[in-house]
PDB file of N, CA and C in Angstrom:
ATOM      1  N   MET A   1      21.926  14.575  40.986  1.00  0.00           N
ATOM      2  CA  MET A   1      20.943  13.767  41.279  1.00  0.00           C
ATOM      3  C   MET A   1      20.607  13.287  42.421  1.00  0.00           C
ATOM      4  N   TYR A   2      18.923  13.857  42.540  1.00  0.00           N
ATOM      5  CA  TYR A   2      18.107  13.525  44.184  1.00  0.00           C
ATOM      6  C   TYR A   2      17.193  12.636  43.910  1.00  0.00           C
ATOM      7  N   LEU A   3      17.793  11.651  45.275  1.00  0.00           N
ATOM      8  CA  LEU A   3      17.543  10.381  45.433  1.00  0.00           C
ATOM      9  C   LEU A   3      16.287  10.325  46.866  1.00  0.00           C
ATOM     10  N   ASP A   4      15.704   9.891  47.943  1.00  0.00           N
ATOM     11  CA  ASP A   4      15.110  10.191  48.472  1.00  0.00           C
ATOM     12  C   ASP A   4      14.005   9.091  49.205  1.00  0.00           C
ATOM     13  N   ALA A   5      14.426   8.242  50.058  1.00  0.00           N
ATOM     14  CA  ALA A   5      12.935   7.420  49.736  1.00  0.00           C
ATOM     15  C   ALA A   5      12.122   7.794  51.605  1.00  0.00           C
ATOM     16  N   PHE A   6      11.049   7.296  51.663  1.00  0.00           N
ATOM     17  CA  PHE A   6      10.592   7.912  52.731  1.00  0.00           C
ATOM     18  C   PHE A   6       9.752   7.012  52.912  1.00  0.00           C
ATOM     19  N   ALA A   7       8.917   6.600  54.208  1.00  0.00           N
ATOM     20  CA  ALA A   7       8.087   5.687  54.443  1.00  0.00           C
ATOM     21  C   ALA A   7       6.671   6.766  56.106  1.00  0.00           C
ATOM     22  N   ASP A   8       5.766   7.448  55.103  1.00  0.00           N
ATOM     23  CA  ASP A   8       4.611   7.836  55.446  1.00  0.00           C
ATOM     24  C   ASP A   8       3.532   6.978  54.681  1.00  0.00           C
ATOM     25  N   ASN A   9       3.264   6.411  55.294  1.00  0.00           N
ATOM     26  CA  ASN A   9       1.464   5.408  54.761  1.00  0.00           C
ATOM     27  C   ASN A   9       1.968   4.450  56.281  1.00  0.00           C
ATOM     28  N   PRO A  10       0.579   3.815  56.793  1.00  0.00           N
ATOM     29  CA  PRO A  10       0.058   3.181  57.480  1.00  0.00           C
ATOM     30  C   PRO A  10       1.069   1.719  57.443  1.00  0.00           C
ATOM     31  N   CYS A  11       1.733   1.346  55.882  1.00  0.00           N
ATOM     32  CA  CYS A  11       2.262  -0.168  55.655  1.00  0.00           C
ATOM     33  C   CYS A  11       3.259  -0.276  55.917  1.00  0.00           C
ATOM     34  N   GLY A  12       3.966   1.461  55.758  1.00  0.00           N
ATOM     35  CA  GLY A  12       5.312   1.931  56.286  1.00  0.00           C
ATOM     36  C   GLY A  12       6.224   1.008  55.279  1.00  0.00           C
ATOM     37  N   THR A  13       5.710   1.198  54.216  1.00  0.00           N
ATOM     38  CA  THR A  13       6.287   0.381  52.923  1.00  0.00           C
ATOM     39  C   THR A  13       6.871   2.060  52.354  1.00  0.00           C
ATOM     40  N   ASN A  14       7.725   2.170  51.209  1.00  0.00           N
ATOM     41  CA  ASN A  14       9.125   3.356  50.785  1.00  0.00           C
ATOM     42  C   ASN A  14       8.202   3.321  49.520  1.00  0.00           C
ATOM     43  N   CYS A  15       8.580   5.056  50.181  1.00  0.00           N
ATOM     44  CA  CYS A  15       7.945   5.681  48.494  1.00  0.00           C
ATOM     45  C   CYS A  15       9.017   6.067  48.093  1.00  0.00           C
ATOM     46  N   TRP A  16       9.436   6.347  46.376  1.00  0.00           N
ATOM     47  CA  TRP A  16      10.994   6.197  46.205  1.00  0.00           C
ATOM     48  C   TRP A  16      11.057   7.968  45.019  1.00  0.00           C
ATOM     49  N   LEU A  17      11.611   9.060  45.412  1.00  0.00           N
ATOM     50  CA  LEU A  17      11.752   9.972  44.977  1.00  0.00           C
ATOM     51  C   LEU A  17      12.975  10.123  44.045  1.00  0.00           C
ATOM     52  N   LEU A  18      12.949  10.584  43.141  1.00  0.00           N
ATOM     53  CA  LEU A  18      13.886  10.270  42.222  1.00  0.00           C
ATOM     54  C   LEU A  18      14.082  11.557  41.065  1.00  0.00           C
ATOM     55  N   GLY A  19      14.983  12.733  41.637  1.00  0.00           N
ATOM     56  CA  GLY A  19      15.089  13.987  40.101  1.00  0.00           C
ATOM     57  C   GLY A  19      15.946  13.873  39.562  1.00  0.00           C
ATOM     58  N   ALA A  20      15.979  14.651  38.815  1.00  0.00           N
ATOM     59  CA  ALA A  20      16.777  15.265  38.220  1.00  0.00           C
ATOM     60  C   ALA A  20      17.851  16.881  38.311  1.00  0.00           C
ATOM     61  N   ASP A  21      18.986  16.580  37.968  1.00  0.00           N
ATOM     62  CA  ASP A  21      19.299  18.254  38.654  1.00  0.00           C
ATOM     63  C   ASP A  21      19.371  19.299  37.665  1.00  0.00           C
ATOM     64  N   GLY A  22      19.060  20.416  38.303  1.00  0.00           N
ATOM     65  CA  GLY A  22      18.684  21.485  36.921  1.00  0.00           C
ATOM     66  C   GLY A  22      17.618  20.969  36.939  1.00  0.00           C
ATOM     67  N   THR A  23      16.843  20.902  36.947  1.00  0.00           N
ATOM     68  CA  THR A  23      15.117  20.909  36.680  1.00  0.00           C
ATOM     69  C   THR A  23      14.128  20.669  37.916  1.00  0.00           C
ATOM     70  N   ASP A  24      13.189  20.998  37.365  1.00  0.00           N
ATOM     71  CA  ASP A  24      12.093  20.541  38.512  1.00  0.00           C
ATOM     72  C   ASP A  24      11.596  19.196  38.095  1.00  0.00           C
ATOM     73  N   ASP A  25      11.935  18.193  37.186  1.00  0.00           N
ATOM     74  CA  ASP A  25      11.455  16.437  36.707  1.00  0.00           C
ATOM     75  C   ASP A  25      11.190  15.741  37.829  1.00  0.00           C
ATOM     76  N   ALA A  26      10.457  15.373  37.998  1.00  0.00           N
ATOM     77  CA  ALA A  26      10.771  14.499  39.206  1.00  0.00           C
ATOM     78  C   ALA A  26      10.530  12.820  38.852  1.00  0.00           C
ATOM     79  N   VAL A  27      10.331  11.496  38.951  1.00  0.00           N
ATOM     80  CA  VAL A  27       9.593  10.309  39.468  1.00  0.00           C
ATOM     81  C   VAL A  27       9.522  10.119  41.087  1.00  0.00           C
ATOM     82  N   VAL A  28       8.010   9.580  41.524  1.00  0.00           N
ATOM     83  CA  VAL A  28       7.760   8.790  42.153  1.00  0.00           C
ATOM     84  C   VAL A  28       7.710   7.245  41.813  1.00  0.00           C
ATOM     85  N   VAL A  29       7.736   6.987  42.887  1.00  0.00           N
ATOM     86  CA  VAL A  29       7.613   5.464  42.854  1.00  0.00           C
ATOM     87  C   VAL A  29       6.634   5.026  44.282  1.00  0.00           C
ATOM     88  N   ASP A  30       5.950   4.403  43.534  1.00  0.00           N
ATOM     89  CA  ASP A  30       4.992   3.678  44.641  1.00  0.00           C
ATOM     90  C   ASP A  30       4.434   4.932  45.691  1.00  0.00           C
ATOM     91  N   PRO A  31       4.051   5.224  45.747  1.00  0.00           N
ATOM     92  CA  PRO A  31       3.130   6.736  46.593  1.00  0.00           C
ATOM     93  C   PRO A  31       2.179   5.602  47.381  1.00  0.00           C
ATOM     94  N   GLY A  32       2.137   4.493  47.373  1.00  0.00           N
ATOM     95  CA  GLY A  32       0.953   3.969  48.104  1.00  0.00           C
ATOM     96  C   GLY A  32      -0.143   4.517  47.946  1.00  0.00           C
ATOM     97  N   PHE A  33      -0.793   4.383  48.436  1.00  0.00           N
ATOM     98  CA  PHE A  33      -2.375   4.975  48.771  1.00  0.00           C
ATOM     99  C   PHE A  33      -3.156   6.215  49.396  1.00  0.00           C
ATOM    100  N   SER A  34      -1.906   7.627  49.527  1.00  0.00           N
ATOM    101  CA  SER A  34      -1.760   9.315  49.749  1.00  0.00           C
ATOM    102  C   SER A  34      -0.851  10.001  48.451  1.00  0.00           C
ATOM    103  N   PRO A  35      -1.008   9.520  46.916  1.00  0.00           N
ATOM    104  CA  PRO A  35      -0.397   9.770  46.326  1.00  0.00           C
ATOM    105  C   PRO A  35      -0.323  11.872  46.120  1.00  0.00           C
ATOM    106  N   ASP A  36      -1.281  12.075  46.578  1.00  0.00           N
ATOM    107  CA  ASP A  36      -1.573  13.073  47.048  1.00  0.00           C
ATOM    108  C   ASP A  36      -0.728  13.875  48.141  1.00  0.00           C
ATOM    109  N   ARG A  37      -0.421  13.184  48.447  1.00  0.00           N
ATOM    110  CA  ARG A  37       0.564  14.147  49.895  1.00  0.00           C
ATOM    111  C   ARG A  37       2.160  14.039  49.293  1.00  0.00           C
ATOM    112  N   VAL A  38       2.648  13.504  47.743  1.00  0.00           N
ATOM    113  CA  VAL A  38       3.534  13.736  47.007  1.00  0.00           C
ATOM    114  C   VAL A  38       3.559  14.257  45.805  1.00  0.00           C
ATOM    115  N   ARG A  39       2.985  15.359  45.376  1.00  0.00           N
ATOM    116  CA  ARG A  39       2.683  15.974  44.761  1.00  0.00           C
ATOM    117  C   ARG A  39       3.150  17.760  45.114  1.00  0.00           C
ATOM    118  N   ARG A  40       3.937  18.262  44.213  1.00  0.00           N
ATOM    119  CA  ARG A  40       3.788  19.513  44.580  1.00  0.00           C
ATOM    120  C   ARG A  40       2.737  20.503  44.321  1.00  0.00           C
ATOM    121  N   PRO A  41       2.408  21.337  45.383  1.00  0.00           N
ATOM    122  CA  PRO A  41       1.543  22.115  45.131  1.00  0.00           C
ATOM    123  C   PRO A  41       1.246  23.118  44.001  1.00  0.00           C
ATOM    124  N   ALA A  42       0.329  23.577  43.220  1.00  0.00           N
ATOM    125  CA  ALA A  42       0.190  24.097  42.278  1.00  0.00           C
ATOM    126  C   ALA A  42       0.756  25.556  42.850  1.00  0.00           C
TER     127      ALA A  42
END
């Protein structure tokens, strides 16, 4: 399992990224006002 929390926004709130080992699937929790910043480029 992959778990990361980061605060990359003006409010200083955390964004959580949770992923399963062996897959490309992930869940983003509370991306704040900039959800495009946590998307994988196509």
